[in-house]
């Protein structure tokens, strides 16, 4: 959905890689501050990754929010 409707965004299989990098970055930031990263849901990670790749593709914050929400709902519908 995302790269089909928002040219320049990556294919769906790349989203998993971005999700892992977000999780890793959050853990590293927490550890650097002497803490432990709070748990993050799969939903939150997926939405954050979709948002990130859309912004990185040059879309505005508003466009990225809409795109990530729409793409998440499409993904959720396909999963259920």
N, C-alpha and C. Protein backbone atom coordinates (compact mmCIF):
# COMPACT_ATOMS: atom_id res chain seq x y z
N UNK A 1 0.81 -1.20 0.00
CA UNK A 1 0.00 0.00 0.00
C UNK A 1 0.85 1.26 0.00
N UNK A 2 1.79 1.33 0.93
CA UNK A 2 2.54 2.57 1.11
C UNK A 2 3.29 2.98 -0.15
N UNK A 3 4.13 2.09 -0.67
CA UNK A 3 4.91 2.50 -1.85
C UNK A 3 4.06 2.56 -3.11
N UNK A 4 2.89 1.95 -3.10
CA UNK A 4 2.00 2.05 -4.24
C UNK A 4 1.26 3.38 -4.28
N UNK A 5 1.04 3.96 -3.11
CA UNK A 5 0.29 5.22 -3.01
C UNK A 5 1.17 6.42 -2.69
N UNK A 6 2.36 6.17 -2.21
CA UNK A 6 3.29 7.24 -1.87
C UNK A 6 4.64 6.93 -2.52
N UNK A 7 4.80 7.33 -3.77
CA UNK A 7 6.04 7.02 -4.51
C UNK A 7 7.28 7.45 -3.74
N UNK A 8 8.28 6.59 -3.78
CA UNK A 8 9.54 6.88 -3.11
C UNK A 8 9.65 6.20 -1.75
N UNK A 9 8.54 5.69 -1.24
CA UNK A 9 8.61 4.96 0.03
C UNK A 9 8.99 3.52 -0.26
N UNK A 10 9.57 2.83 0.73
CA UNK A 10 10.05 1.48 0.48
C UNK A 10 8.94 0.43 0.46
N UNK A 11 9.30 -0.73 -0.01
CA UNK A 11 8.38 -1.87 -0.01
C UNK A 11 8.14 -2.33 1.42
N UNK A 12 7.08 -3.07 1.60
CA UNK A 12 6.65 -3.49 2.94
C UNK A 12 7.71 -4.28 3.70
N UNK A 13 8.50 -5.09 3.00
CA UNK A 13 9.49 -5.91 3.71
C UNK A 13 10.57 -5.05 4.38
N UNK A 14 10.77 -3.85 3.92
CA UNK A 14 11.75 -2.95 4.54
C UNK A 14 11.24 -2.40 5.87
N UNK A 15 9.95 -2.37 6.07
CA UNK A 15 9.37 -1.82 7.30
C UNK A 15 9.86 -2.61 8.51
N UNK A 16 9.98 -3.93 8.39
CA UNK A 16 10.47 -4.75 9.50
C UNK A 16 11.87 -4.31 9.93
N UNK A 17 12.73 -4.03 8.97
CA UNK A 17 14.09 -3.58 9.27
C UNK A 17 14.06 -2.25 10.01
N UNK A 18 13.21 -1.36 9.58
CA UNK A 18 13.09 -0.06 10.23
C UNK A 18 12.54 -0.22 11.65
N UNK A 19 11.58 -1.12 11.82
CA UNK A 19 11.04 -1.38 13.16
C UNK A 19 12.14 -1.86 14.10
N UNK A 20 12.98 -2.76 13.64
CA UNK A 20 14.09 -3.25 14.46
C UNK A 20 15.06 -2.14 14.81
N UNK A 21 15.32 -1.25 13.86
CA UNK A 21 16.25 -0.16 14.14
C UNK A 21 15.66 0.83 15.14
N UNK A 22 14.37 1.06 15.08
CA UNK A 22 13.72 1.95 16.05
C UNK A 22 13.81 1.34 17.45
N UNK A 23 13.51 0.05 17.57
CA UNK A 23 13.59 -0.64 18.86
C UNK A 23 15.01 -0.56 19.42
N UNK A 24 15.99 -0.83 18.57
CA UNK A 24 17.39 -0.80 18.99
C UNK A 24 17.80 0.60 19.45
N UNK A 25 17.41 1.61 18.67
CA UNK A 25 17.75 2.99 19.01
C UNK A 25 17.14 3.39 20.35
N UNK A 26 15.89 3.02 20.60
CA UNK A 26 15.23 3.34 21.87
C UNK A 26 15.94 2.67 23.04
N UNK A 27 16.34 1.42 22.86
CA UNK A 27 17.08 0.72 23.92
C UNK A 27 18.41 1.39 24.20
N UNK A 28 19.14 1.72 23.14
CA UNK A 28 20.45 2.36 23.29
C UNK A 28 20.33 3.71 23.97
N UNK A 29 19.32 4.49 23.60
CA UNK A 29 19.12 5.80 24.22
C UNK A 29 18.80 5.66 25.70
N UNK A 30 17.97 4.68 26.05
CA UNK A 30 17.62 4.46 27.45
C UNK A 30 18.84 4.01 28.25
N UNK A 31 19.61 3.09 27.69
CA UNK A 31 20.81 2.60 28.37
C UNK A 31 21.84 3.70 28.54
N UNK A 32 21.97 4.57 27.54
CA UNK A 32 22.92 5.68 27.63
C UNK A 32 22.53 6.64 28.76
N UNK A 33 21.25 6.71 29.04
CA UNK A 33 20.77 7.56 30.12
C UNK A 33 20.70 6.84 31.46
N UNK A 34 21.20 5.59 31.48
CA UNK A 34 21.21 4.82 32.71
C UNK A 34 19.90 4.14 33.04
N UNK A 35 19.02 4.04 32.07
CA UNK A 35 17.72 3.43 32.31
C UNK A 35 17.47 2.22 31.44
N UNK A 36 16.24 1.82 31.47
CA UNK A 36 15.78 0.69 30.66
C UNK A 36 14.64 1.20 29.78
N UNK A 37 14.70 0.85 28.52
CA UNK A 37 13.65 1.30 27.59
C UNK A 37 12.31 0.69 28.00
N UNK A 38 11.28 1.50 28.01
CA UNK A 38 9.95 0.95 28.32
C UNK A 38 9.49 0.03 27.20
N UNK A 39 8.63 -0.91 27.52
CA UNK A 39 8.11 -1.81 26.48
C UNK A 39 7.39 -1.01 25.38
N UNK A 40 7.53 -1.49 24.17
CA UNK A 40 6.89 -0.86 23.02
C UNK A 40 6.06 -1.92 22.31
N UNK A 41 4.83 -1.59 22.01
CA UNK A 41 3.97 -2.55 21.32
C UNK A 41 4.37 -2.67 19.85
N UNK A 42 4.01 -3.79 19.27
CA UNK A 42 4.24 -4.02 17.85
C UNK A 42 3.51 -2.94 17.03
N UNK A 43 2.32 -2.61 17.46
CA UNK A 43 1.53 -1.58 16.78
C UNK A 43 2.27 -0.25 16.77
N UNK A 44 2.79 0.15 17.92
CA UNK A 44 3.52 1.42 18.01
C UNK A 44 4.77 1.40 17.13
N UNK A 45 5.50 0.30 17.16
CA UNK A 45 6.70 0.19 16.33
C UNK A 45 6.37 0.25 14.84
N UNK A 46 5.35 -0.45 14.44
CA UNK A 46 4.97 -0.48 13.02
C UNK A 46 4.54 0.91 12.56
N UNK A 47 3.72 1.55 13.36
CA UNK A 47 3.25 2.90 12.99
C UNK A 47 4.43 3.86 12.92
N UNK A 48 5.34 3.79 13.89
CA UNK A 48 6.52 4.67 13.89
C UNK A 48 7.39 4.42 12.66
N UNK A 49 7.55 3.16 12.28
CA UNK A 49 8.36 2.84 11.10
C UNK A 49 7.72 3.35 9.82
N UNK A 50 6.42 3.16 9.70
CA UNK A 50 5.71 3.66 8.52
C UNK A 50 5.83 5.18 8.42
N UNK A 51 5.69 5.83 9.54
CA UNK A 51 5.80 7.29 9.59
C UNK A 51 7.22 7.72 9.20
N UNK A 52 8.21 7.07 9.77
CA UNK A 52 9.61 7.43 9.52
C UNK A 52 9.97 7.30 8.04
N UNK A 53 9.62 6.17 7.43
CA UNK A 53 10.02 5.98 6.03
C UNK A 53 9.29 6.94 5.10
N UNK A 54 8.09 7.32 5.48
CA UNK A 54 7.35 8.27 4.64
C UNK A 54 7.99 9.65 4.72
N UNK A 55 8.36 10.07 5.92
CA UNK A 55 9.06 11.36 6.05
C UNK A 55 10.41 11.32 5.34
N UNK A 56 11.12 10.22 5.48
CA UNK A 56 12.43 10.09 4.82
C UNK A 56 12.30 10.14 3.30
N UNK A 57 11.14 9.78 2.78
CA UNK A 57 10.91 9.82 1.34
C UNK A 57 10.56 11.24 0.87
N UNK A 58 10.49 12.19 1.81
CA UNK A 58 10.27 13.58 1.44
C UNK A 58 8.87 14.11 1.65
N UNK A 59 8.01 13.32 2.27
CA UNK A 59 6.65 13.78 2.52
C UNK A 59 6.61 14.63 3.80
N UNK A 60 5.63 15.50 3.88
CA UNK A 60 5.50 16.37 5.06
C UNK A 60 5.06 15.55 6.27
N UNK A 61 5.18 16.14 7.43
CA UNK A 61 4.73 15.51 8.67
C UNK A 61 3.27 15.10 8.56
N UNK A 62 2.46 15.99 8.05
CA UNK A 62 1.02 15.72 7.91
C UNK A 62 0.76 14.56 6.93
N UNK A 63 1.46 14.59 5.81
CA UNK A 63 1.32 13.50 4.83
C UNK A 63 1.80 12.17 5.41
N UNK A 64 2.91 12.24 6.15
CA UNK A 64 3.46 11.03 6.76
C UNK A 64 2.49 10.45 7.79
N UNK A 65 1.85 11.30 8.55
CA UNK A 65 0.89 10.82 9.54
C UNK A 65 -0.29 10.13 8.86
N UNK A 66 -0.81 10.75 7.81
CA UNK A 66 -1.94 10.14 7.09
C UNK A 66 -1.51 8.83 6.42
N UNK A 67 -0.37 8.86 5.76
CA UNK A 67 0.11 7.68 5.06
C UNK A 67 0.36 6.53 6.02
N UNK A 68 1.00 6.81 7.14
CA UNK A 68 1.31 5.74 8.09
C UNK A 68 0.05 5.17 8.72
N UNK A 69 -0.91 6.02 9.01
CA UNK A 69 -2.18 5.54 9.57
C UNK A 69 -2.93 4.70 8.55
N UNK A 70 -3.02 5.20 7.33
CA UNK A 70 -3.72 4.44 6.28
C UNK A 70 -3.03 3.10 6.01
N UNK A 71 -1.71 3.12 5.90
CA UNK A 71 -0.96 1.89 5.63
C UNK A 71 -1.10 0.90 6.77
N UNK A 72 -1.11 1.40 8.00
CA UNK A 72 -1.28 0.51 9.14
C UNK A 72 -2.64 -0.17 9.09
N UNK A 73 -3.68 0.58 8.78
CA UNK A 73 -5.03 0.00 8.73
C UNK A 73 -5.16 -1.02 7.60
N UNK A 74 -4.51 -0.78 6.49
CA UNK A 74 -4.51 -1.76 5.39
C UNK A 74 -3.80 -3.02 5.86
N UNK A 75 -2.63 -2.86 6.48
CA UNK A 75 -1.88 -4.01 6.98
C UNK A 75 -2.72 -4.78 8.01
N UNK A 76 -3.34 -4.08 8.93
CA UNK A 76 -4.16 -4.71 9.96
C UNK A 76 -5.31 -5.49 9.34
N UNK A 77 -5.97 -4.90 8.35
CA UNK A 77 -7.07 -5.57 7.67
C UNK A 77 -6.62 -6.83 6.96
N UNK A 78 -5.42 -6.82 6.41
CA UNK A 78 -4.89 -8.00 5.72
C UNK A 78 -4.48 -9.08 6.70
N UNK A 79 -4.10 -8.68 7.89
CA UNK A 79 -3.66 -9.63 8.92
C UNK A 79 -4.84 -10.33 9.58
N UNK A 80 -5.98 -9.67 9.63
CA UNK A 80 -7.13 -10.23 10.35
C UNK A 80 -8.11 -10.89 9.44
